[in-house]
Amino acid sequence: LFVLCGQVEPPGVALPLHRPHAQAIVRHLEATTDFLLLDMSTELSEATRLLLPECDSIVVIVEPQRAALSLADALLSNMMSKLKIPGSRISIVVVNRTHSAASYTLEAVESALQYEIAGVVPPAAELSFEATQRGMPMVLVHPNSTLAIQVQAIASHLVDKMQ
């Protein structure tokens, strides 16, 4: 597993990644690995608009909150209408950062976005803290945790979808 971290600055502050640089990075990474996972901004920047249509599979991460669902719906619409990405290449993963009775149900998320949910990542604040302290991924700190099981299920779903 190789990790190439991007900038952590928010949009508008971070330096833009221009088309030639994005293409060179992806070409190099594609030549060195069987699977390439890109963690990109939800902003449809020049680099994102270039790279998304080239992806075999796209996973949109969404929180089950009204504002997040509105933004995700707009992003999905733009990906399909402006970038001509078929909906069959897009999967939705719901990330619950906190326990909240105010969160939408999975059925409400599916209904709002008109997509099947590929999986749900449950809140795991204590696990996140422990993983950070140990410098390890959460799924390795407690491989039998609910979170780890869900991440495995999401990975299986995505692999099955690509085959």
Protein backbone atom coordinates (compact mmCIF):
# COMPACT_ATOMS: atom_id res chain seq x y z
CA LEU A 1 0.00 0.00 0.00
CA PHE A 2 1.41 3.35 -1.06
CA VAL A 3 -0.13 6.59 0.13
CA LEU A 4 0.42 9.83 -1.71
CA CYS A 5 -1.13 12.50 0.48
CA GLY A 6 -2.66 15.60 -0.99
CA GLN A 7 -2.77 19.05 0.47
CA VAL A 8 -4.82 19.56 3.60
CA GLU A 9 -5.62 23.20 2.91
CA PRO A 10 -9.28 23.98 2.15
CA PRO A 11 -10.45 24.78 -1.39
CA GLY A 12 -9.49 28.28 -2.41
CA VAL A 13 -6.39 28.21 -0.22
CA ALA A 14 -4.72 25.05 -1.49
CA LEU A 15 -2.55 25.34 -4.58
CA PRO A 16 -4.41 24.02 -7.63
CA LEU A 17 -3.36 20.74 -9.23
CA HIS A 18 -3.25 21.48 -12.94
CA ARG A 19 -4.04 19.06 -15.76
CA PRO A 20 -0.46 18.13 -16.81
CA HIS A 21 0.57 17.42 -13.22
CA ALA A 22 -2.55 15.38 -12.49
CA GLN A 23 -2.08 13.34 -15.67
CA ALA A 24 1.59 12.69 -14.92
CA ILE A 25 0.89 11.60 -11.34
CA VAL A 26 -1.93 9.24 -12.32
CA ARG A 27 0.00 7.74 -15.27
CA HIS A 28 2.95 7.02 -12.98
CA LEU A 29 0.77 5.52 -10.24
CA GLU A 30 -1.21 3.39 -12.70
CA ALA A 31 2.04 1.89 -13.98
CA THR A 32 3.14 0.87 -10.49
CA THR A 33 0.00 -0.74 -9.04
CA ASP A 34 -2.92 -3.02 -9.82
CA PHE A 35 -5.46 -0.83 -8.00
CA LEU A 36 -5.34 2.91 -7.63
CA LEU A 37 -7.50 4.68 -5.07
CA LEU A 38 -7.74 8.46 -5.41
CA ASP A 39 -9.15 10.52 -2.55
CA MET A 40 -10.33 13.66 -4.28
CA SER A 41 -12.13 16.78 -3.22
CA THR A 42 -15.84 17.18 -3.82
CA GLU A 43 -14.96 20.42 -5.60
CA LEU A 44 -15.05 19.84 -9.35
CA SER A 45 -11.64 21.39 -9.90
CA GLU A 46 -9.75 21.12 -13.18
CA ALA A 47 -7.90 18.01 -11.94
CA THR A 48 -11.05 16.39 -10.59
CA ARG A 49 -12.95 17.02 -13.83
CA LEU A 50 -10.05 15.44 -15.71
CA LEU A 51 -9.63 12.38 -13.49
CA LEU A 52 -13.20 11.38 -12.60
CA PRO A 53 -14.22 10.25 -16.12
CA GLU A 54 -11.11 8.04 -16.23
CA CYS A 55 -12.02 6.18 -13.02
CA ASP A 56 -13.42 2.66 -13.25
CA SER A 57 -15.42 3.20 -10.08
CA ILE A 58 -16.29 6.30 -8.06
CA VAL A 59 -17.29 6.26 -4.41
CA VAL A 60 -19.10 9.31 -3.09
CA ILE A 61 -18.90 9.65 0.67
CA VAL A 62 -21.89 11.32 2.28
CA GLU A 63 -23.03 12.09 5.80
CA PRO A 64 -26.71 11.45 6.58
CA GLN A 65 -27.50 15.15 7.09
CA ARG A 66 -29.69 17.46 5.00
CA ALA A 67 -26.91 19.83 3.86
CA ALA A 68 -24.56 16.96 2.98
CA LEU A 69 -27.28 15.21 0.98
CA SER A 70 -28.03 18.40 -0.96
CA LEU A 71 -24.34 18.82 -1.81
CA ALA A 72 -24.02 15.13 -2.76
CA ASP A 73 -27.09 15.35 -4.98
CA ALA A 74 -25.61 18.36 -6.80
CA LEU A 75 -22.26 16.59 -7.17
CA LEU A 76 -23.91 13.45 -8.56
CA SER A 77 -25.95 15.51 -11.02
CA ASN A 78 -22.85 17.36 -12.22
CA MET A 79 -20.86 14.14 -12.57
CA MET A 80 -23.54 12.60 -14.75
CA SER A 81 -24.66 15.63 -16.77
CA LYS A 82 -21.44 17.63 -17.22
CA LEU A 83 -18.82 14.88 -17.02
CA LYS A 84 -21.01 12.19 -18.65
CA ILE A 85 -20.17 9.59 -15.99
CA PRO A 86 -22.66 6.70 -16.02
CA GLY A 87 -24.48 6.20 -12.73
CA SER A 88 -23.48 2.53 -12.82
CA ARG A 89 -19.87 3.55 -12.04
CA ILE A 90 -20.90 5.49 -8.92
CA SER A 91 -21.37 4.05 -5.43
CA ILE A 92 -22.50 5.80 -2.27
CA VAL A 93 -21.02 5.19 1.18
CA VAL A 94 -22.64 6.77 4.22
CA VAL A 95 -20.30 7.91 6.98
CA ASN A 96 -21.81 8.51 10.41
CA ARG A 97 -19.36 10.65 12.34
CA THR A 98 -21.53 10.83 15.45
CA HIS A 99 -24.48 9.04 17.01
CA SER A 100 -27.45 11.25 16.28
CA ALA A 101 -31.19 10.83 16.30
CA ALA A 102 -31.32 13.75 13.85
CA SER A 103 -29.52 11.77 11.10
CA TYR A 104 -31.44 10.53 8.10
CA THR A 105 -32.16 6.81 7.82
CA LEU A 106 -30.49 4.78 5.07
CA GLU A 107 -33.81 4.57 3.26
CA ALA A 108 -34.10 8.37 3.35
CA VAL A 109 -30.54 8.73 2.01
CA GLU A 110 -31.25 6.28 -0.82
CA SER A 111 -34.48 8.07 -1.62
CA ALA A 112 -32.87 11.53 -1.59
CA LEU A 113 -29.97 10.51 -3.83
CA GLN A 114 -31.73 7.83 -5.90
CA TYR A 115 -28.79 5.48 -5.38
CA GLU A 116 -28.31 2.21 -3.57
CA ILE A 117 -26.05 2.55 -0.55
CA ALA A 118 -22.87 0.45 -0.90
CA GLY A 119 -22.22 0.55 2.83
CA VAL A 120 -22.26 2.45 6.06
CA VAL A 121 -19.31 3.46 8.21
CA PRO A 122 -20.48 3.69 11.83
CA PRO A 123 -19.25 6.31 14.27
CA ALA A 124 -16.12 5.17 16.10
CA ALA A 125 -14.62 8.11 17.98
CA GLU A 126 -12.74 5.98 20.52
CA LEU A 127 -11.38 3.67 17.84
CA SER A 128 -10.32 6.67 15.78
CA PHE A 129 -8.49 8.17 18.75
CA GLU A 130 -6.75 4.87 19.56
CA ALA A 131 -5.74 4.35 15.92
CA THR A 132 -4.33 7.87 15.78
CA GLN A 133 -2.37 7.35 18.99
CA ARG A 134 -0.93 4.07 17.69
CA GLY A 135 -0.33 5.37 14.17
CA MET A 136 -2.34 2.54 12.63
CA PRO A 137 -5.45 2.29 10.46
CA MET A 138 -8.63 1.75 12.49
CA VAL A 139 -9.37 -1.54 10.72
CA LEU A 140 -6.03 -2.93 11.90
CA VAL A 141 -6.32 -1.70 15.49
CA HIS A 142 -9.52 -3.71 16.00
CA PRO A 143 -10.04 -5.95 12.95
CA ASN A 144 -13.22 -7.48 14.39
CA SER A 145 -14.88 -4.16 15.19
CA THR A 146 -18.15 -3.14 13.57
CA LEU A 147 -16.27 -0.48 11.63
CA ALA A 148 -13.71 -2.98 10.27
CA ILE A 149 -16.46 -5.40 9.27
CA GLN A 150 -18.33 -2.63 7.45
CA VAL A 151 -15.19 -1.49 5.64
CA GLN A 152 -14.58 -5.09 4.51
CA ALA A 153 -18.19 -5.32 3.29
CA ILE A 154 -17.83 -2.05 1.36
CA ALA A 155 -14.57 -3.25 -0.22
CA SER A 156 -16.23 -6.55 -1.23
CA HIS A 157 -19.17 -4.67 -2.71
CA LEU A 158 -16.87 -2.46 -4.78
CA VAL A 159 -14.76 -5.38 -6.01
CA ASP A 160 -17.90 -7.32 -6.96
CA LYS A 161 -19.27 -4.29 -8.80
CA MET A 162 -16.10 -3.93 -10.84
CA GLN A 163 -16.00 -7.56 -11.96
